[in-house]
Amino acid sequence: MHRFVLRVWLPDRPGALGQVASRIGAVHGDVIGIEILEQGGGRAIDELVVALPDAGLVDPLVREVAQVEGVDVEWVQPVDGDDHDPQLSLLEAAAALVEEAVPGAGLDRLCEDLRSAFAAGWCAVVARSTACTVAGAGAVPPAAWIDAFLDGSRHLDARVDRGADDVAWADLPGRDRTLVLGRTGRPFRARERRQLVVLARIGAAVDAAARPRPRAIP
């Protein structure tokens, strides 16, 4: 079986998801996972993991789903590896942070794991006072660009408001640093932004615990 992730906009009403599942079944597909990313304004954005017997059925799948009234397909992509479990990926990222024992290395590990968990093109931690990148993974943009973006987005709620759809950010509590993620072709949604804020809290706590504490003078 071939697995694909299908992100759809659908009416937030009873039966809408069942209609979509029925259309998926019409092309011999099976829904094996679902995550609700956002709700509001009478619509919901869901990610469905769909198993298909033939990869060539993707286009018919999209056409079938789009025939449901009020439903739009935002994007579809094949699943990397044998599984697609965003929640497990985020838990693994959090566990890796807690297990990291090298002072300062936790932020580098955080960037690597979050880039993978969110299927992002890049992830960075930027020091706000100096506008420099202190940790990163992937094709990270210049720190000056990230700093300018954050200056323009600081009035927004990082947990909900989008700013730019392709960038998500969260301040590391108690630190003069901000965690920033970027990806193309797949907008960040409200649930993902809230997840990022929680992981930033974990990352800040682990990084602070790993740093050496000054000894008290007897």
C-alpha atoms as a PDB file:
ATOM      1  CA  MET A   1       0.000   0.000   0.000  1.00  0.00           C
ATOM      2  CA  HIS A   2       1.073   3.557  -0.712  1.00  0.00           C
ATOM      3  CA  ARG A   3       0.449   6.212   1.936  1.00  0.00           C
ATOM      4  CA  PHE A   4      -0.270   9.882   1.383  1.00  0.00           C
ATOM      5  CA  VAL A   5      -1.067  12.853   3.600  1.00  0.00           C
ATOM      6  CA  LEU A   6      -4.060  14.821   2.353  1.00  0.00           C
ATOM      7  CA  ARG A   7      -4.787  18.247   3.842  1.00  0.00           C
ATOM      8  CA  VAL A   8      -8.391  19.319   3.233  1.00  0.00           C
ATOM      9  CA  TRP A   9     -10.678  22.225   4.068  1.00  0.00           C
ATOM     10  CA  LEU A  10     -14.197  21.043   4.789  1.00  0.00           C
ATOM     11  CA  PRO A  11     -17.431  22.429   6.227  1.00  0.00           C
ATOM     12  CA  ASP A  12     -17.514  22.167  10.020  1.00  0.00           C
ATOM     13  CA  ARG A  13     -20.783  20.239  10.052  1.00  0.00           C
ATOM     14  CA  PRO A  14     -21.869  16.671  10.882  1.00  0.00           C
ATOM     15  CA  GLY A  15     -21.336  14.222   8.052  1.00  0.00           C
ATOM     16  CA  ALA A  16     -18.780  16.252   6.080  1.00  0.00           C
ATOM     17  CA  LEU A  17     -15.851  14.051   7.045  1.00  0.00           C
ATOM     18  CA  GLY A  18     -17.911  10.936   6.347  1.00  0.00           C
ATOM     19  CA  GLN A  19     -18.602  12.198   2.816  1.00  0.00           C
ATOM     20  CA  VAL A  20     -14.887  12.742   2.264  1.00  0.00           C
ATOM     21  CA  ALA A  21     -14.110   9.235   3.566  1.00  0.00           C
ATOM     22  CA  SER A  22     -16.726   7.813   1.209  1.00  0.00           C
ATOM     23  CA  ARG A  23     -15.068   9.516  -1.768  1.00  0.00           C
ATOM     24  CA  ILE A  24     -11.705   8.147  -0.679  1.00  0.00           C
ATOM     25  CA  GLY A  25     -13.247   4.678  -0.556  1.00  0.00           C
ATOM     26  CA  ALA A  26     -14.520   5.154  -4.111  1.00  0.00           C
ATOM     27  CA  VAL A  27     -10.904   4.990  -5.365  1.00  0.00           C
ATOM     28  CA  HIS A  28     -10.142   1.990  -3.085  1.00  0.00           C
ATOM     29  CA  GLY A  29      -8.430   4.193  -0.508  1.00  0.00           C
ATOM     30  CA  ASP A  30      -8.572   3.830   3.249  1.00  0.00           C
ATOM     31  CA  VAL A  31      -8.306   6.590   5.896  1.00  0.00           C
ATOM     32  CA  ILE A  32      -5.792   5.348   8.470  1.00  0.00           C
ATOM     33  CA  GLY A  33      -5.114   8.601  10.361  1.00  0.00           C
ATOM     34  CA  ILE A  34      -6.613  12.022  10.971  1.00  0.00           C
ATOM     35  CA  GLU A  35      -5.533  15.224  12.711  1.00  0.00           C
ATOM     36  CA  ILE A  36      -7.674  18.350  13.107  1.00  0.00           C
ATOM     37  CA  LEU A  37      -5.381  21.329  12.566  1.00  0.00           C
ATOM     38  CA  GLU A  38      -7.756  24.273  12.743  1.00  0.00           C
ATOM     39  CA  GLN A  39     -11.439  25.147  13.181  1.00  0.00           C
ATOM     40  CA  GLY A  40     -13.280  28.418  12.799  1.00  0.00           C
ATOM     41  CA  GLY A  41     -15.576  30.400  10.549  1.00  0.00           C
ATOM     42  CA  GLY A  42     -17.689  27.333   9.837  1.00  0.00           C
ATOM     43  CA  ARG A  43     -14.778  25.365   8.367  1.00  0.00           C
ATOM     44  CA  ALA A  44     -12.197  22.886   9.568  1.00  0.00           C
ATOM     45  CA  ILE A  45      -8.753  21.995   8.251  1.00  0.00           C
ATOM     46  CA  ASP A  46      -7.902  18.312   8.613  1.00  0.00           C
ATOM     47  CA  GLU A  47      -4.912  16.204   7.657  1.00  0.00           C
ATOM     48  CA  LEU A  48      -5.856  12.689   6.561  1.00  0.00           C
ATOM     49  CA  VAL A  49      -3.418   9.824   6.135  1.00  0.00           C
ATOM     50  CA  VAL A  50      -4.719   7.757   3.228  1.00  0.00           C
ATOM     51  CA  ALA A  51      -3.567   4.315   2.094  1.00  0.00           C
ATOM     52  CA  LEU A  52      -3.912   3.618  -1.628  1.00  0.00           C
ATOM     53  CA  PRO A  53      -3.263   0.344  -3.473  1.00  0.00           C
ATOM     54  CA  ASP A  54      -1.639   2.235  -6.355  1.00  0.00           C
ATOM     55  CA  ALA A  55       0.288   5.538  -6.324  1.00  0.00           C
ATOM     56  CA  GLY A  56      -1.344   6.366  -9.652  1.00  0.00           C
ATOM     57  CA  LEU A  57      -4.662   6.832  -7.842  1.00  0.00           C
ATOM     58  CA  VAL A  58      -3.608  10.120  -6.243  1.00  0.00           C
ATOM     59  CA  ASP A  59      -5.074  12.342  -8.969  1.00  0.00           C
ATOM     60  CA  PRO A  60      -8.417  10.467  -9.015  1.00  0.00           C
ATOM     61  CA  LEU A  61      -8.414  10.687  -5.205  1.00  0.00           C
ATOM     62  CA  VAL A  62      -8.053  14.476  -5.265  1.00  0.00           C
ATOM     63  CA  ARG A  63     -10.782  14.790  -7.912  1.00  0.00           C
ATOM     64  CA  GLU A  64     -13.168  12.614  -5.918  1.00  0.00           C
ATOM     65  CA  VAL A  65     -12.626  14.491  -2.649  1.00  0.00           C
ATOM     66  CA  ALA A  66     -13.000  17.882  -4.356  1.00  0.00           C
ATOM     67  CA  GLN A  67     -16.469  16.861  -5.542  1.00  0.00           C
ATOM     68  CA  VAL A  68     -17.815  16.991  -1.990  1.00  0.00           C
ATOM     69  CA  GLU A  69     -19.666  20.288  -1.584  1.00  0.00           C
ATOM     70  CA  GLY A  70     -17.657  22.858   0.357  1.00  0.00           C
ATOM     71  CA  VAL A  71     -14.440  20.768   0.384  1.00  0.00           C
ATOM     72  CA  ASP A  72     -11.098  22.003  -0.954  1.00  0.00           C
ATOM     73  CA  VAL A  73      -7.836  20.069  -1.137  1.00  0.00           C
ATOM     74  CA  GLU A  74      -4.933  22.223   0.058  1.00  0.00           C
ATOM     75  CA  TRP A  75      -2.184  19.743  -0.781  1.00  0.00           C
ATOM     76  CA  VAL A  76      -1.245  16.082  -0.934  1.00  0.00           C
ATOM     77  CA  GLN A  77       2.148  14.438  -0.516  1.00  0.00           C
ATOM     78  CA  PRO A  78       3.545  10.914  -0.042  1.00  0.00           C
ATOM     79  CA  VAL A  79       4.405   9.757   3.464  1.00  0.00           C
ATOM     80  CA  ASP A  80       8.139   9.476   4.099  1.00  0.00           C
ATOM     81  CA  GLY A  81       8.960   6.062   5.502  1.00  0.00           C
ATOM     82  CA  ASP A  82       6.413   3.567   6.766  1.00  0.00           C
ATOM     83  CA  ASP A  83       4.442   5.809   9.075  1.00  0.00           C
ATOM     84  CA  HIS A  84       3.074   9.323   9.558  1.00  0.00           C
ATOM     85  CA  ASP A  85       2.407  10.187  13.181  1.00  0.00           C
ATOM     86  CA  PRO A  86       2.902  13.906  13.940  1.00  0.00           C
ATOM     87  CA  GLN A  87       2.061  13.488  17.613  1.00  0.00           C
ATOM     88  CA  LEU A  88       4.623  10.730  18.087  1.00  0.00           C
ATOM     89  CA  SER A  89       7.252  12.791  16.236  1.00  0.00           C
ATOM     90  CA  LEU A  90       6.681  15.717  18.593  1.00  0.00           C
ATOM     91  CA  LEU A  91       6.881  13.467  21.656  1.00  0.00           C
ATOM     92  CA  GLU A  92      10.145  12.018  20.342  1.00  0.00           C
ATOM     93  CA  ALA A  93      11.505  15.541  19.855  1.00  0.00           C
ATOM     94  CA  ALA A  94      10.579  16.412  23.451  1.00  0.00           C
ATOM     95  CA  ALA A  95      12.138  13.187  24.761  1.00  0.00           C
ATOM     96  CA  ALA A  96      15.365  13.847  22.848  1.00  0.00           C
ATOM     97  CA  LEU A  97      15.567  17.291  24.432  1.00  0.00           C
ATOM     98  CA  VAL A  98      15.221  15.897  27.934  1.00  0.00           C
ATOM     99  CA  GLU A  99      17.885  13.263  27.232  1.00  0.00           C
ATOM    100  CA  GLU A 100      20.379  15.818  25.868  1.00  0.00           C
ATOM    101  CA  ALA A 101      23.086  16.351  28.466  1.00  0.00           C
ATOM    102  CA  VAL A 102      25.597  18.618  26.681  1.00  0.00           C
ATOM    103  CA  PRO A 103      25.182  22.301  27.674  1.00  0.00           C
ATOM    104  CA  GLY A 104      23.990  24.345  24.709  1.00  0.00           C
ATOM    105  CA  ALA A 105      23.612  21.319  22.433  1.00  0.00           C
ATOM    106  CA  GLY A 106      19.929  21.013  23.293  1.00  0.00           C
ATOM    107  CA  LEU A 107      19.017  23.878  20.966  1.00  0.00           C
ATOM    108  CA  ASP A 108      20.837  22.315  18.014  1.00  0.00           C
ATOM    109  CA  ARG A 109      19.061  19.024  18.673  1.00  0.00           C
ATOM    110  CA  LEU A 110      15.766  20.879  19.023  1.00  0.00           C
ATOM    111  CA  CYS A 111      16.205  22.512  15.597  1.00  0.00           C
ATOM    112  CA  GLU A 112      17.029  19.198  13.925  1.00  0.00           C
ATOM    113  CA  ASP A 113      14.103  17.358  15.510  1.00  0.00           C
ATOM    114  CA  LEU A 114      11.536  20.102  14.918  1.00  0.00           C
ATOM    115  CA  ARG A 115      12.594  20.512  11.306  1.00  0.00           C
ATOM    116  CA  SER A 116      11.857  16.813  10.847  1.00  0.00           C
ATOM    117  CA  ALA A 117       8.660  16.702  12.928  1.00  0.00           C
ATOM    118  CA  PHE A 118       7.084  19.673  11.124  1.00  0.00           C
ATOM    119  CA  ALA A 119       8.487  18.719   7.692  1.00  0.00           C
ATOM    120  CA  ALA A 120      10.046  22.196   7.586  1.00  0.00           C
ATOM    121  CA  GLY A 121      12.747  23.460   5.268  1.00  0.00           C
ATOM    122  CA  TRP A 122      14.638  25.119   8.108  1.00  0.00           C
ATOM    123  CA  CYS A 123      14.595  25.776  11.826  1.00  0.00           C
ATOM    124  CA  ALA A 124      16.638  28.309  13.811  1.00  0.00           C
ATOM    125  CA  VAL A 125      17.060  29.849  17.233  1.00  0.00           C
ATOM    126  CA  VAL A 126      17.801  33.582  17.039  1.00  0.00           C
ATOM    127  CA  ALA A 127      19.147  35.814  19.814  1.00  0.00           C
ATOM    128  CA  ARG A 128      16.872  38.832  19.785  1.00  0.00           C
ATOM    129  CA  SER A 129      19.286  41.298  21.401  1.00  0.00           C
ATOM    130  CA  THR A 130      22.071  40.646  18.879  1.00  0.00           C
ATOM    131  CA  ALA A 131      20.002  39.446  15.891  1.00  0.00           C
ATOM    132  CA  CYS A 132      22.303  36.460  15.381  1.00  0.00           C
ATOM    133  CA  THR A 133      21.552  32.773  14.853  1.00  0.00           C
ATOM    134  CA  VAL A 134      22.702  30.620  17.789  1.00  0.00           C
ATOM    135  CA  ALA A 135      21.396  27.260  16.502  1.00  0.00           C
ATOM    136  CA  GLY A 136      19.914  26.014  13.271  1.00  0.00           C
ATOM    137  CA  ALA A 137      19.102  23.190  10.864  1.00  0.00           C
ATOM    138  CA  GLY A 138      18.448  23.250   7.125  1.00  0.00           C
ATOM    139  CA  ALA A 139      18.719  26.220   4.761  1.00  0.00           C
ATOM    140  CA  VAL A 140      18.349  28.906   7.437  1.00  0.00           C
ATOM    141  CA  PRO A 141      17.808  32.465   6.070  1.00  0.00           C
ATOM    142  CA  PRO A 142      20.132  35.281   7.191  1.00  0.00           C
ATOM    143  CA  ALA A 143      19.625  36.224  10.840  1.00  0.00           C
ATOM    144  CA  ALA A 144      18.898  39.830   9.810  1.00  0.00           C
ATOM    145  CA  TRP A 145      15.927  38.644   7.712  1.00  0.00           C
ATOM    146  CA  ILE A 146      14.573  36.525  10.556  1.00  0.00           C
ATOM    147  CA  ASP A 147      14.996  39.387  13.015  1.00  0.00           C
ATOM    148  CA  ALA A 148      13.142  41.781  10.685  1.00  0.00           C
ATOM    149  CA  PHE A 149      10.333  39.263  10.291  1.00  0.00           C
ATOM    150  CA  LEU A 150      10.019  38.856  14.054  1.00  0.00           C
ATOM    151  CA  ASP A 151       9.954  42.626  14.550  1.00  0.00           C
ATOM    152  CA  GLY A 152       7.014  42.806  12.174  1.00  0.00           C
ATOM    153  CA  SER A 153       5.211  39.883  13.830  1.00  0.00           C
ATOM    154  CA  ARG A 154       5.816  40.664  17.491  1.00  0.00           C
ATOM    155  CA  HIS A 155       2.321  42.172  17.946  1.00  0.00           C
ATOM    156  CA  LEU A 156       0.704  38.851  16.925  1.00  0.00           C
ATOM    157  CA  ASP A 157      -0.145  35.878  19.122  1.00  0.00           C
ATOM    158  CA  ALA A 158       2.389  33.212  18.067  1.00  0.00           C
ATOM    159  CA  ARG A 159      -0.018  30.455  19.114  1.00  0.00           C
ATOM    160  CA  VAL A 160      -2.806  31.453  16.719  1.00  0.00           C
ATOM    161  CA  ASP A 161      -2.138  34.409  14.426  1.00  0.00           C
ATOM    162  CA  ARG A 162      -0.340  33.543  11.245  1.00  0.00           C
ATOM    163  CA  GLY A 163       1.587  36.557  10.062  1.00  0.00           C
ATOM    164  CA  ALA A 164       3.323  34.795   7.172  1.00  0.00           C
ATOM    165  CA  ASP A 165       1.749  31.389   6.499  1.00  0.00           C
ATOM    166  CA  ASP A 166       5.104  29.778   5.767  1.00  0.00           C
ATOM    167  CA  VAL A 167       6.843  30.866   8.996  1.00  0.00           C
ATOM    168  CA  ALA A 168       6.036  29.954  12.614  1.00  0.00           C
ATOM    169  CA  TRP A 169       7.795  31.228  15.728  1.00  0.00           C
ATOM    170  CA  ALA A 170       7.810  30.983  19.510  1.00  0.00           C
ATOM    171  CA  ASP A 171       9.853  32.812  22.145  1.00  0.00           C
ATOM    172  CA  LEU A 172      11.923  30.659  24.484  1.00  0.00           C
ATOM    173  CA  PRO A 173      10.590  31.612  27.941  1.00  0.00           C
ATOM    174  CA  GLY A 174      13.132  33.308  30.175  1.00  0.00           C
ATOM    175  CA  ARG A 175      15.652  33.675  27.358  1.00  0.00           C
ATOM    176  CA  ASP A 176      16.457  36.409  24.858  1.00  0.00           C
ATOM    177  CA  ARG A 177      15.911  33.898  22.084  1.00  0.00           C
ATOM    178  CA  THR A 178      13.206  32.920  19.607  1.00  0.00           C
ATOM    179  CA  LEU A 179      12.591  29.607  17.863  1.00  0.00           C
ATOM    180  CA  VAL A 180      11.611  30.025  14.189  1.00  0.00           C
ATOM    181  CA  LEU A 181      10.457  27.457  11.595  1.00  0.00           C
ATOM    182  CA  GLY A 182      10.003  27.913   7.850  1.00  0.00           C
ATOM    183  CA  ARG A 183       8.582  25.720   5.095  1.00  0.00           C
ATOM    184  CA  THR A 184       7.191  26.268   1.596  1.00  0.00           C
ATOM    185  CA  GLY A 185       4.030  24.933  -0.011  1.00  0.00           C
ATOM    186  CA  ARG A 186       2.425  23.935   3.273  1.00  0.00           C
ATOM    187  CA  PRO A 187       1.093  26.718   5.538  1.00  0.00           C
ATOM    188  CA  PHE A 188       1.430  26.390   9.303  1.00  0.00           C
ATOM    189  CA  ARG A 189      -1.936  26.013  11.030  1.00  0.00           C
ATOM    190  CA  ALA A 190      -3.151  26.986  14.504  1.00  0.00           C
ATOM    191  CA  ARG A 191      -2.602  23.542  16.068  1.00  0.00           C
ATOM    192  CA  GLU A 192       0.963  23.381  14.776  1.00  0.00           C
ATOM    193  CA  ARG A 193       1.705  26.860  16.119  1.00  0.00           C
ATOM    194  CA  ARG A 194       0.422  25.906  19.570  1.00  0.00           C
ATOM    195  CA  GLN A 195       2.546  22.756  19.477  1.00  0.00           C
ATOM    196  CA  LEU A 196       5.601  24.860  18.643  1.00  0.00           C
ATOM    197  CA  VAL A 197       4.972  27.172  21.622  1.00  0.00           C
ATOM    198  CA  VAL A 198       4.832  24.175  23.990  1.00  0.00           C
ATOM    199  CA  LEU A 199       8.030  22.675  22.574  1.00  0.00           C
ATOM    200  CA  ALA A 200       9.762  26.048  22.907  1.00  0.00           C
ATOM    201  CA  ARG A 201       8.901  26.000  26.619  1.00  0.00           C
ATOM    202  CA  ILE A 202      10.419  22.522  26.957  1.00  0.00           C
ATOM    203  CA  GLY A 203      13.497  23.539  24.981  1.00  0.00           C
ATOM    204  CA  ALA A 204      14.090  26.603  27.141  1.00  0.00           C
ATOM    205  CA  ALA A 205      13.750  24.609  30.358  1.00  0.00           C
ATOM    206  CA  VAL A 206      16.145  21.879  29.201  1.00  0.00           C
ATOM    207  CA  ASP A 207      18.701  24.357  27.877  1.00  0.00           C
ATOM    208  CA  ALA A 208      18.618  26.293  31.161  1.00  0.00           C
ATOM    209  CA  ALA A 209      19.031  23.077  33.189  1.00  0.00           C
ATOM    210  CA  ALA A 210      22.010  21.975  31.076  1.00  0.00           C
ATOM    211  CA  ARG A 211      23.952  25.212  31.539  1.00  0.00           C
ATOM    212  CA  PRO A 212      26.434  25.205  34.428  1.00  0.00           C
ATOM    213  CA  ARG A 213      25.287  27.095  37.503  1.00  0.00           C
ATOM    214  CA  PRO A 214      27.673  29.464  39.316  1.00  0.00           C
ATOM    215  CA  ARG A 215      29.041  28.033  42.530  1.00  0.00           C
ATOM    216  CA  ALA A 216      28.193  29.730  45.747  1.00  0.00           C
ATOM    217  CA  ILE A 217      31.215  31.277  47.462  1.00  0.00           C
ATOM    218  CA  PRO A 218      31.559  29.831  50.997  1.00  0.00           C
END
